[in-house]
Protein backbone atom coordinates (compact mmCIF):
# COMPACT_ATOMS: atom_id res chain seq x y z
CA MET A 1 2.27 15.58 -28.83
CA TYR A 2 1.61 17.11 -25.44
CA PRO A 3 0.34 20.66 -26.17
CA ALA A 4 3.11 22.77 -27.74
CA CYS A 5 5.82 20.41 -26.41
CA GLN A 6 8.43 18.69 -28.58
CA SER A 7 11.36 18.36 -26.19
CA PHE A 8 11.07 16.61 -22.79
CA LEU A 9 13.26 15.94 -19.79
CA VAL A 10 12.26 12.74 -17.99
CA PHE A 11 13.58 12.88 -14.42
CA GLY A 12 13.36 9.60 -12.53
CA LEU A 13 13.61 6.36 -14.46
CA SER A 14 11.27 4.16 -12.50
CA ARG A 15 8.76 2.00 -14.33
CA SER A 16 6.53 5.01 -14.99
CA GLY A 17 9.45 7.25 -15.96
CA ALA A 18 10.81 4.67 -18.37
CA ALA A 19 7.33 4.16 -19.83
CA ALA A 20 6.97 7.92 -20.36
CA ALA A 21 10.35 8.12 -22.10
CA GLU A 22 9.51 5.21 -24.41
CA PHE A 23 6.12 6.70 -25.25
CA LEU A 24 7.61 10.10 -26.08
CA LEU A 25 10.37 8.56 -28.18
CA ALA A 26 7.73 6.65 -30.15
CA LYS A 27 6.03 10.00 -30.75
CA LYS A 28 9.32 11.29 -32.25
CA ALA A 29 9.90 13.79 -29.45
CA GLU A 30 13.35 14.83 -28.27
CA VAL A 31 13.85 13.08 -24.93
CA PHE A 32 16.49 13.70 -22.28
CA ILE A 33 16.68 11.27 -19.35
CA CYS A 34 18.22 11.47 -15.89
CA ASP A 35 18.00 9.70 -12.54
CA ASP A 36 19.70 10.80 -9.34
CA VAL A 37 19.77 7.19 -8.14
CA ARG A 38 22.37 4.80 -9.49
CA GLY A 39 22.26 1.03 -9.58
CA GLY A 40 21.98 -1.96 -11.86
CA ALA A 41 18.31 -1.55 -12.73
CA VAL A 42 18.64 2.17 -13.47
CA GLU A 43 21.77 1.64 -15.55
CA ARG A 44 20.00 -1.03 -17.61
CA THR A 45 17.05 1.29 -18.17
CA ILE A 46 19.36 4.10 -19.27
CA GLY A 47 21.11 1.74 -21.67
CA GLU A 48 17.85 0.56 -23.21
CA LEU A 49 16.47 4.08 -23.61
CA THR A 50 19.64 5.53 -25.13
CA LYS A 51 19.57 2.76 -27.74
CA LYS A 52 16.11 4.00 -28.68
CA GLY A 53 17.29 7.59 -29.05
CA ALA A 54 17.07 9.14 -25.58
CA LYS A 55 19.91 11.40 -24.44
CA ASN A 56 21.30 10.60 -21.01
CA VAL A 57 22.41 13.65 -19.01
CA LYS A 58 24.22 14.03 -15.70
CA GLU A 59 22.44 15.64 -12.79
CA GLU A 60 24.84 18.58 -12.73
CA ASP A 61 23.90 19.36 -16.36
CA LEU A 62 20.15 19.55 -15.71
CA PRO A 63 19.95 23.37 -15.28
CA SER A 64 21.17 23.81 -18.86
CA LEU A 65 18.11 21.90 -20.13
CA ILE A 66 15.50 24.18 -18.59
CA ASP A 67 15.57 26.54 -21.57
CA ARG A 68 15.91 23.75 -24.13
CA CYS A 69 13.10 21.45 -22.94
CA ASP A 70 9.40 22.26 -23.22
CA ALA A 71 8.29 20.07 -20.31
CA LEU A 72 9.55 18.09 -17.34
CA VAL A 73 8.20 14.57 -16.75
CA LEU A 74 8.57 13.64 -13.08
CA SER A 75 8.58 10.15 -11.60
CA PRO A 76 5.86 9.89 -8.89
CA GLY A 77 8.54 9.46 -6.23
CA ILE A 78 9.94 12.94 -6.88
CA PRO A 79 7.94 15.74 -5.22
CA VAL A 80 6.74 18.75 -7.20
CA ASP A 81 8.69 21.05 -4.89
CA HIS A 82 11.97 19.51 -6.05
CA ARG A 83 14.32 22.29 -7.15
CA LEU A 84 14.24 21.11 -10.77
CA ALA A 85 10.43 21.15 -10.89
CA VAL A 86 10.38 24.58 -9.26
CA ALA A 87 12.82 25.88 -11.88
CA PHE A 88 10.69 24.56 -14.76
CA LYS A 89 7.57 26.18 -13.31
CA ARG A 90 9.44 29.45 -12.83
CA HIS A 91 10.20 29.39 -16.56
CA LYS A 92 6.52 28.70 -17.37
CA LYS A 93 7.28 25.15 -18.48
CA ALA A 94 4.91 22.22 -17.92
CA VAL A 95 5.63 19.74 -15.11
CA ILE A 96 3.74 16.51 -15.73
CA GLY A 97 3.83 12.80 -14.95
CA GLU A 98 3.44 9.58 -16.89
CA THR A 99 -0.19 9.39 -15.78
CA GLU A 100 -0.89 12.79 -17.35
CA LEU A 101 0.44 11.60 -20.69
CA ALA A 102 -1.76 8.50 -20.47
CA ALA A 103 -4.81 10.57 -19.54
CA ARG A 104 -4.39 12.65 -22.71
CA TYR A 105 -3.80 9.79 -25.14
CA LEU A 106 -5.64 6.74 -23.79
CA LYS A 107 -8.59 5.78 -26.00
CA SER A 108 -10.39 3.45 -23.60
CA PRO A 109 -12.73 4.46 -20.77
CA ILE A 110 -10.94 4.86 -17.44
CA VAL A 111 -12.07 3.80 -13.99
CA ALA A 112 -9.87 5.76 -11.57
CA VAL A 113 -9.64 4.76 -7.92
CA THR A 114 -8.01 6.77 -5.15
CA GLY A 115 -8.15 6.93 -1.36
CA THR A 116 -5.81 6.30 1.54
CA ASN A 117 -6.30 2.55 1.90
CA GLY A 118 -7.75 -0.25 -0.21
CA LYS A 119 -6.87 1.13 -3.65
CA THR A 120 -4.95 -1.88 -4.97
CA THR A 121 -7.49 -4.37 -3.65
CA THR A 122 -10.43 -2.45 -5.12
CA VAL A 123 -8.75 -1.94 -8.49
CA SER A 124 -7.93 -5.65 -8.67
CA MET A 125 -11.52 -6.56 -7.79
CA ILE A 126 -12.97 -4.25 -10.45
CA ALA A 127 -10.62 -5.54 -13.15
CA GLU A 128 -11.48 -9.15 -12.28
CA MET A 129 -15.21 -8.40 -12.28
CA LEU A 130 -15.04 -6.81 -15.72
CA THR A 131 -12.92 -9.68 -17.05
CA ALA A 132 -15.35 -12.25 -15.63
CA ASP A 133 -18.09 -10.48 -17.59
CA GLY A 134 -16.17 -10.84 -20.84
CA LYS A 135 -14.68 -7.35 -21.03
CA ASN A 136 -11.03 -6.61 -21.77
CA ALA A 137 -9.93 -4.78 -18.62
CA LYS A 138 -6.44 -3.96 -17.42
CA ALA A 139 -5.37 -2.87 -13.93
CA CYS A 140 -2.77 -0.10 -14.06
CA GLY A 141 -1.36 2.98 -12.34
CA ASN A 142 0.07 2.93 -8.83
CA ILE A 143 -0.68 -0.80 -8.69
CA GLY A 144 2.60 -1.30 -10.55
CA THR A 145 1.79 -1.25 -14.28
CA PRO A 146 2.17 2.20 -15.90
CA MET A 147 -1.01 3.59 -17.42
CA LEU A 148 0.89 4.06 -20.68
CA ALA A 149 1.09 0.26 -20.88
CA CYS A 150 -2.64 0.40 -21.66
CA MET A 151 -2.25 2.36 -24.89
CA ASN A 152 -3.27 -0.71 -26.89
CA LEU A 153 -6.72 -0.72 -25.29
CA GLY A 154 -9.59 0.32 -27.53
CA GLY A 155 -12.86 2.10 -26.98
CA ASP A 156 -14.65 -1.05 -25.81
CA ASP A 157 -11.93 -1.95 -23.31
CA VAL A 158 -11.43 -0.52 -19.81
CA ALA A 159 -8.36 0.78 -17.99
CA VAL A 160 -8.81 0.40 -14.23
CA ALA A 161 -6.30 2.79 -12.69
CA GLU A 162 -5.07 3.12 -9.13
CA ILE A 163 -4.23 6.80 -8.66
CA SER A 164 -2.04 7.95 -5.78
CA SER A 165 -1.70 11.40 -4.27
CA PHE A 166 1.82 11.48 -5.75
CA GLN A 167 0.38 11.01 -9.24
CA LEU A 168 -2.37 13.55 -8.64
CA GLU A 169 0.28 16.24 -8.05
CA THR A 170 1.14 16.22 -11.77
CA LEU A 171 -2.23 15.20 -13.20
CA SER A 172 -4.54 17.78 -14.76
CA SER A 173 -6.20 16.13 -17.78
CA LEU A 174 -7.72 13.01 -16.23
CA ARG A 175 -11.44 12.67 -16.92
CA PRO A 176 -12.43 9.16 -15.84
CA HIS A 177 -15.71 7.56 -16.85
CA VAL A 178 -15.97 6.45 -13.21
CA ALA A 179 -13.93 7.96 -10.37
CA ALA A 180 -13.96 6.33 -6.93
CA VAL A 181 -12.72 7.76 -3.62
CA LEU A 182 -12.54 5.02 -0.99
CA ASN A 183 -11.56 6.81 2.22
CA ILE A 184 -9.35 9.58 3.57
CA ALA A 185 -7.05 9.28 6.60
CA GLU A 186 -3.73 10.86 7.58
CA ASP A 187 -0.97 9.78 5.21
CA HIS A 188 2.04 11.19 3.35
CA LEU A 189 2.17 14.34 5.44
CA ASN A 190 5.97 14.26 5.08
CA ARG A 191 5.36 14.86 1.37
CA HIS A 192 2.22 17.03 1.35
CA TYR A 193 2.97 18.97 4.57
CA ASN A 194 -0.54 18.99 6.01
CA MET A 195 -3.88 17.25 5.84
CA GLU A 196 -5.51 20.08 3.90
CA ASN A 197 -3.09 19.63 1.00
CA TYR A 198 -3.54 15.86 1.07
CA VAL A 199 -7.34 16.10 0.97
CA PHE A 200 -7.18 18.67 -1.83
CA LEU A 201 -4.98 16.39 -3.92
CA LYS A 202 -7.36 13.47 -3.47
CA SER A 203 -10.29 15.62 -4.58
CA ARG A 204 -8.48 16.42 -7.85
CA ILE A 205 -9.52 13.04 -9.22
CA LEU A 206 -12.98 14.62 -9.68
CA LYS A 207 -11.69 17.90 -11.09
CA ASN A 208 -12.71 17.37 -14.72
CA SER A 209 -15.78 15.18 -14.23
CA ALA A 210 -18.95 16.28 -16.00
CA GLU A 211 -22.60 15.27 -15.68
CA THR A 212 -21.97 12.33 -17.99
CA GLU A 213 -19.42 10.78 -15.62
CA CYS A 214 -19.92 9.09 -12.25
CA ALA A 215 -18.29 9.54 -8.86
CA VAL A 216 -18.37 6.59 -6.46
CA LEU A 217 -17.95 7.96 -2.93
CA ASN A 218 -17.81 6.48 0.58
CA TYR A 219 -20.89 7.77 2.40
CA ASP A 220 -19.48 6.62 5.75
CA ASP A 221 -16.34 8.75 5.47
CA PRO A 222 -17.11 12.35 6.50
CA ILE A 223 -14.28 13.82 4.41
CA VAL A 224 -15.12 11.83 1.29
CA ARG A 225 -18.78 12.76 1.66
CA THR A 226 -17.87 16.44 1.17
CA PHE A 227 -16.40 15.58 -2.25
CA ALA A 228 -19.94 15.35 -3.60
CA GLU A 229 -20.02 19.14 -3.46
CA LYS A 230 -16.84 19.41 -5.54
CA THR A 231 -17.93 17.66 -8.71
CA LYS A 232 -20.54 17.83 -11.45
CA ALA A 233 -20.49 14.05 -11.82
CA LYS A 234 -23.42 11.83 -10.92
CA ILE A 235 -22.91 10.67 -7.32
CA VAL A 236 -23.16 6.96 -6.52
CA TRP A 237 -22.56 6.12 -2.87
CA PHE A 238 -21.39 3.02 -1.07
CA SER A 239 -22.00 2.42 2.62
CA ARG A 240 -21.89 -0.23 5.33
CA LYS A 241 -24.18 1.81 7.59
CA GLU A 242 -26.95 3.30 5.44
CA LYS A 243 -29.18 2.26 2.57
CA VAL A 244 -27.81 4.67 -0.02
CA THR A 245 -28.26 5.29 -3.72
CA GLY A 246 -25.63 2.82 -4.87
CA ALA A 247 -24.02 -0.13 -3.07
CA TYR A 248 -24.68 -0.92 0.57
CA GLU A 249 -24.70 -3.60 3.28
CA ALA A 250 -27.99 -4.70 4.82
CA ASN A 251 -29.32 -7.82 6.54
CA GLY A 252 -26.07 -9.73 6.13
CA ALA A 253 -25.83 -9.12 2.39
CA LEU A 254 -24.43 -6.66 -0.16
CA TYR A 255 -26.84 -4.82 -2.45
CA TYR A 256 -26.72 -2.52 -5.44
CA GLY A 257 -29.96 -0.60 -5.48
CA GLU A 258 -32.68 -3.13 -4.68
CA GLU A 259 -30.71 -6.05 -6.10
CA LYS A 260 -28.94 -8.44 -3.75
CA ILE A 261 -25.45 -9.17 -5.06
CA THR A 262 -24.26 -11.74 -2.50
CA GLU A 263 -24.45 -12.82 1.11
CA ILE A 264 -21.56 -11.56 3.24
CA SER A 265 -21.00 -15.09 4.52
CA GLU A 266 -20.13 -16.13 0.95
CA LEU A 267 -17.38 -13.51 0.51
CA ALA A 268 -13.78 -14.66 0.30
CA HIS A 269 -12.84 -11.80 2.64
CA THR A 270 -15.31 -10.67 5.30
CA GLU A 271 -13.20 -8.15 7.25
CA PRO A 272 -14.98 -4.77 7.59
CA HIS A 273 -12.48 -2.88 5.43
CA ASN A 274 -12.70 -5.54 2.71
CA ILE A 275 -16.49 -5.28 2.72
CA GLU A 276 -16.04 -1.54 2.05
CA ASN A 277 -13.67 -2.37 -0.82
CA ALA A 278 -16.19 -4.85 -2.19
CA LEU A 279 -19.01 -2.29 -2.09
CA ALA A 280 -16.90 0.26 -3.97
CA ALA A 281 -15.98 -2.36 -6.56
CA ILE A 282 -19.63 -3.40 -6.95
CA ALA A 283 -20.67 0.20 -7.62
CA CYS A 284 -17.92 0.76 -10.19
CA ALA A 285 -18.58 -2.53 -11.96
CA LYS A 286 -22.35 -2.00 -12.11
CA LEU A 287 -21.86 1.48 -13.58
CA LEU A 288 -19.98 -0.20 -16.43
CA GLY A 289 -22.86 -2.61 -17.04
CA THR A 290 -21.27 -5.66 -15.44
CA LYS A 291 -23.61 -8.57 -14.75
CA SER A 292 -24.28 -9.33 -11.10
CA GLU A 293 -23.32 -12.98 -11.58
CA ALA A 294 -19.82 -11.96 -12.66
CA ILE A 295 -19.50 -9.58 -9.72
CA SER A 296 -20.69 -12.18 -7.23
CA SER A 297 -18.38 -14.90 -8.55
CA VAL A 298 -15.33 -12.67 -8.13
CA LEU A 299 -16.29 -11.64 -4.59
CA LYS A 300 -16.58 -15.31 -3.61
CA THR A 301 -13.18 -16.29 -5.00
CA PHE A 302 -11.07 -13.12 -4.81
CA LYS A 303 -7.64 -13.99 -3.46
CA GLY A 304 -6.65 -10.49 -2.45
CA ALA A 305 -3.39 -8.66 -3.00
CA PRO A 306 -0.22 -9.87 -1.21
CA HIS A 307 0.96 -8.45 2.13
CA ARG A 308 -2.52 -7.45 3.26
CA ILE A 309 -3.47 -9.29 6.47
CA GLU A 310 -2.05 -12.39 4.83
CA TYR A 311 -1.26 -15.63 6.64
CA ALA A 312 2.52 -16.01 6.69
CA GLY A 313 2.76 -19.27 8.62
CA GLU A 314 2.78 -20.87 12.05
CA ALA A 315 5.77 -21.79 14.18
CA ASP A 316 5.74 -23.24 17.70
CA GLY A 317 1.99 -22.68 17.88
CA VAL A 318 2.25 -18.95 17.08
CA THR A 319 0.44 -17.57 14.01
CA TYR A 320 2.26 -14.94 11.93
CA ILE A 321 0.30 -12.43 9.83
CA ASP A 322 1.91 -10.31 7.09
CA ASP A 323 0.27 -6.90 6.71
CA SER A 324 3.37 -5.13 5.39
CA LYS A 325 1.18 -2.99 3.12
CA SER A 326 0.01 -1.19 6.26
CA THR A 327 1.92 2.07 5.85
CA ASN A 328 -0.35 4.35 7.90
CA THR A 329 -2.13 4.26 11.24
CA ASP A 330 -5.61 3.76 9.81
CA SER A 331 -4.63 0.53 8.06
CA ALA A 332 -2.81 -0.74 11.16
CA ILE A 333 -5.90 -0.10 13.29
CA LYS A 334 -8.07 -2.04 10.85
CA ALA A 335 -5.62 -4.95 10.86
CA ALA A 336 -5.48 -5.02 14.66
CA GLU A 337 -9.28 -5.02 14.84
CA CYS A 338 -9.32 -8.19 12.73
CA MET A 339 -7.19 -10.19 15.19
CA LYS A 340 -9.14 -12.79 17.18
CA ASN A 341 -6.33 -13.94 19.54
CA ASP A 342 -3.88 -12.13 21.81
CA THR A 343 -1.51 -10.36 19.41
CA ILE A 344 1.98 -8.89 19.39
CA LEU A 345 2.11 -6.00 16.91
CA LEU A 346 5.25 -4.99 14.99
CA LEU A 347 5.33 -1.23 14.33
CA GLY A 348 7.90 1.01 12.68
CA GLY A 349 9.86 2.00 9.61
CA LYS A 350 10.21 5.30 7.79
CA ASP A 351 8.19 8.18 9.18
CA LYS A 352 5.47 9.81 7.08
CA GLY A 353 4.86 12.97 9.05
CA TYR A 354 2.02 12.21 11.47
CA ASN A 355 1.82 11.12 15.11
CA TYR A 356 0.55 7.78 16.34
CA ASP A 357 -1.68 8.86 19.24
CA ALA A 358 -4.89 7.69 17.57
CA LEU A 359 -3.32 4.31 16.88
CA PHE A 360 -2.57 3.62 20.53
CA ALA A 361 -6.00 4.84 21.62
CA ALA A 362 -7.53 2.33 19.20
CA LEU A 363 -5.20 -0.53 20.15
CA LYS A 364 -6.57 -0.48 23.70
CA LYS A 365 -9.85 -1.81 22.26
CA THR A 366 -8.23 -4.69 20.34
CA ARG A 367 -6.53 -8.00 21.16
CA VAL A 368 -3.07 -6.43 20.85
CA ILE A 369 -1.22 -7.13 24.13
CA ARG A 370 2.20 -5.70 23.25
CA CYS A 371 3.86 -3.61 20.54
CA VAL A 372 7.43 -4.14 19.35
CA LEU A 373 8.80 -0.90 17.88
CA TYR A 374 11.69 -0.72 15.44
CA GLY A 375 13.10 1.41 12.65
CA GLU A 376 13.75 5.08 11.94
CA ASN A 377 10.58 6.31 13.64
CA ALA A 378 10.61 3.98 16.67
CA PHE A 379 11.19 6.76 19.20
CA LYS A 380 8.50 8.94 17.64
CA ILE A 381 6.02 6.06 17.97
CA LEU A 382 7.26 5.57 21.52
CA GLU A 383 6.39 9.17 22.37
CA SER A 384 2.83 8.62 21.14
CA ALA A 385 2.58 5.46 23.23
CA ALA A 386 3.71 7.38 26.33
CA ARG A 387 1.23 10.21 25.68
CA SER A 388 -1.55 7.67 25.26
CA GLY A 389 -0.64 5.76 28.41
CA TYR A 390 0.12 2.60 26.45
CA LYS A 391 2.70 0.73 28.50
CA ASN A 392 3.24 -2.68 26.90
CA ILE A 393 6.09 -1.62 24.63
CA THR A 394 9.31 -3.30 23.56
CA LEU A 395 11.83 -1.21 21.65
CA THR A 396 14.61 -2.36 19.34
CA GLU A 397 16.62 -1.07 16.41
CA LYS A 398 16.05 -3.09 13.25
CA PHE A 399 13.28 -5.00 11.56
CA VAL A 400 14.91 -8.42 11.89
CA TYR A 401 15.48 -7.84 15.61
CA ALA A 402 11.81 -6.93 16.06
CA VAL A 403 10.61 -10.09 14.34
CA LYS A 404 12.91 -12.31 16.43
CA ILE A 405 11.96 -10.54 19.65
CA ALA A 406 8.28 -11.06 18.84
CA ARG A 407 9.00 -14.77 18.54
CA LEU A 408 10.60 -14.77 21.99
CA LEU A 409 7.64 -12.92 23.50
CA ALA A 410 4.81 -14.88 21.87
CA VAL A 411 3.42 -18.10 23.29
CA SER A 412 1.43 -20.85 21.61
CA GLY A 413 -2.05 -19.69 20.62
CA GLN A 414 -1.02 -16.07 20.13
CA THR A 415 -0.50 -14.07 16.93
CA VAL A 416 2.37 -11.91 15.70
CA LEU A 417 1.09 -9.21 13.34
CA LEU A 418 3.37 -7.21 11.07
CA SER A 419 1.33 -4.06 10.43
CA PRO A 420 3.99 -1.32 10.61
CA ALA A 421 1.89 1.85 10.10
CA SER A 422 5.01 3.21 8.37
CA ALA A 423 6.75 3.22 5.01
CA SER A 424 9.47 0.65 4.43
CA PHE A 425 12.18 2.80 2.93
CA ASP A 426 14.46 3.01 5.98
CA GLU A 427 15.54 -0.62 5.49
CA PHE A 428 13.78 -1.88 2.35
CA SER A 429 13.06 -0.84 -1.21
CA SER A 430 9.31 -1.44 -0.86
CA TYR A 431 6.63 -2.81 1.43
CA GLU A 432 6.70 -5.94 -0.75
CA GLU A 433 10.35 -6.55 0.09
CA ARG A 434 9.62 -5.99 3.79
CA GLY A 435 6.74 -8.47 3.70
CA ASP A 436 8.81 -11.02 1.81
CA ALA A 437 11.54 -10.71 4.45
CA PHE A 438 8.99 -11.36 7.20
CA VAL A 439 7.59 -14.42 5.44
CA SER A 440 11.11 -15.73 4.78
CA ILE A 441 12.00 -15.52 8.49
CA VAL A 442 8.79 -17.29 9.51
CA ARG A 443 9.35 -20.07 7.00
CA SER A 444 12.89 -20.58 8.28
CA TRP A 445 11.41 -21.13 11.74
CA GLN A 446 8.92 -23.60 10.31
CA ARG A 447 11.81 -25.56 8.79
CA GLU A 448 13.62 -25.52 12.14
CA GLU A 449 10.49 -26.81 13.84
CA ASN A 450 10.13 -29.62 11.30
CA GLU A 451 13.77 -30.59 11.79
CA ARG A 452 13.29 -30.67 15.57
CA GLN A 453 10.34 -33.02 15.46
CA PRO A 454 12.29 -36.27 14.82
CA PHE A 455 14.74 -35.27 17.57
CA ALA A 456 11.84 -34.63 19.96
CA ALA A 457 10.36 -38.03 19.08
CA GLU A 458 13.65 -39.73 19.93
CA GLN A 459 13.70 -37.89 23.26
CA ALA A 460 10.17 -39.07 23.99
CA LYS A 461 11.26 -42.64 23.41
CA ALA A 462 14.23 -42.11 25.72
CA CYS A 463 11.93 -40.70 28.39
CA ALA A 464 9.61 -43.68 28.11
CA ALA A 465 12.54 -46.08 28.46
CA ALA A 466 14.14 -44.20 31.35
CA ASP A 467 13.00 -44.29 34.96
CA GLY A 468 11.98 -40.62 34.84
CA ASN A 469 15.08 -39.34 36.61
CA ASP A 470 17.23 -38.62 33.58
CA ASP A 471 16.72 -34.88 33.09
CA LYS A 472 19.02 -34.73 30.07
CA ALA A 473 17.10 -37.40 28.24
CA CYS A 474 13.84 -35.58 28.77
CA GLY A 475 14.71 -32.12 27.48
CA ASP A 476 12.33 -29.97 25.45
CA GLY A 477 14.09 -30.50 22.14
CA LYS A 478 14.91 -26.82 21.53
CA THR A 479 18.32 -25.97 20.12
CA GLY A 480 18.92 -22.85 22.17
CA GLU A 481 19.90 -20.93 19.02
CA ASP A 482 16.87 -18.64 18.71
CA ASP A 483 19.00 -15.54 19.18
CA GLU A 484 22.40 -16.46 17.86
CA ASP A 485 23.05 -13.09 16.18
CA GLY A 486 22.80 -11.08 19.38
CA SER A 487 19.34 -9.67 18.72
CA GLY A 488 18.07 -10.46 22.19
CA ALA A 489 17.75 -8.62 25.46
CA GLU A 490 20.65 -6.22 24.95
CA ASN A 491 18.77 -4.76 21.97
CA VAL A 492 15.47 -4.44 23.85
CA VAL A 493 14.18 -1.66 26.08
CA TYR A 494 11.33 -2.67 28.40
CA LEU A 495 9.26 0.25 29.62
CA ASP A 496 7.65 0.17 33.05
CA ASP A 497 4.84 2.32 34.42
CA THR A 498 7.20 5.13 35.42
CA TYR A 499 8.77 5.59 31.99
CA ARG A 500 8.55 8.96 30.31
CA SER A 501 10.10 9.50 26.88
CA ASN A 502 12.46 12.43 26.39
CA GLY A 503 12.18 12.11 22.62
CA ARG A 504 14.57 11.45 19.77
CA GLY A 505 14.59 12.83 17.04
CA GLY A 506 12.18 9.15 -4.27
CA GLU A 507 10.08 6.17 -4.39
CA GLU A 508 8.33 4.79 -7.46
CA LYS A 509 5.05 3.79 -5.85
CA GLU A 510 3.20 5.61 -3.14
CA GLU A 511 3.40 3.77 0.20
């Protein structure tokens, strides 16, 4: 059992919380469960866990358990400064997470990947590379599968774990065979208060590493580069700019040491940020003895994770790109830099505690011609746009309005990019749900376009048969119903050159 602990309170019954409760019950511990969110999924989880022996408690009864329980297990979506966590710490009780339990009991080697952006993609790449080489590897952690789901892995298998800053708050025992830090940019400042705390949490992934372990670090990121001074692990770099000890880009190819792994032109994804992800994955896979052929084959066929600069469809000649996973400014900048045509960018959602000045400074160097702002933080983004002198702004209230307005603004040959630079929780349960909603809207427009085509063909025939004077017969075939729900001009604010803003003022996975 967790050191000197026999009685646990699991607070937050997300996938990781439920996994922790099940694991502890299997270890014959006394387990109390509680969630301050109610709904069908939570109620089902409570029902399943109580059948297995857990004791469900009401939120108002939680203080009475502080003396009785030896430790508090927090869901990643609940911050460590929650009043319950503070009370447990005040009574010298452990506050841990599901990942901490897994770190103590997992028998297999662990590859742990953290960073601001690219974690899920890199973890998926590594797991696929290891699998292609005949190893039994499982992707887990913040990617969506609890680490405790890997308890059946043996010493010859590999757990490839995505580790978020939320998980690092309650993680003290992790000692990965390979730890990778991809990049550091402003994120989650609403949770961690300032950049110093955020950087410190990210560095904790290297806290327990010894000389026998390896740290894969981004040489091109000045913050990540300083992490080399904070660990005893062997440093293996990856870089797009320098020939480093590790994985690097040179002469149109990717190398590990002196060995060429693959030509960049052969990669399934050649965007700059995905090349960085590939280099990190190459380094991690090679450190685990993976054959270069297996690594190369995955890089050439890797499909990528959903909602990451993903083609959503085309309607009326406009291309729609779903980058809903973009929940910070750094990822939105990288997405914008990938656009080859004039682009309308959808920005907004739930605020994460930083300003957007750097975003608008960067957008001036891209093909973005207008931003449509929406959501809880729309006016905060607007203030950054005004400070940066960025004038091509359209403002609306809700996500669906923003998508429909972008359709009205875009012309054939242009692109509409959903890359919100914000969390989704003001209107959605996850970035996945937000991205799915975007794709659903685009596909509905594609169906409308397909239905219009026979009508347009009939009109063309009528035009050919007419003498050219029948205006009604020669219409454009549009239905005039693009904005039937009232999400048009009355919900839009157009800003001219004289505008000055006067201001306005517990998730499972990290976004």
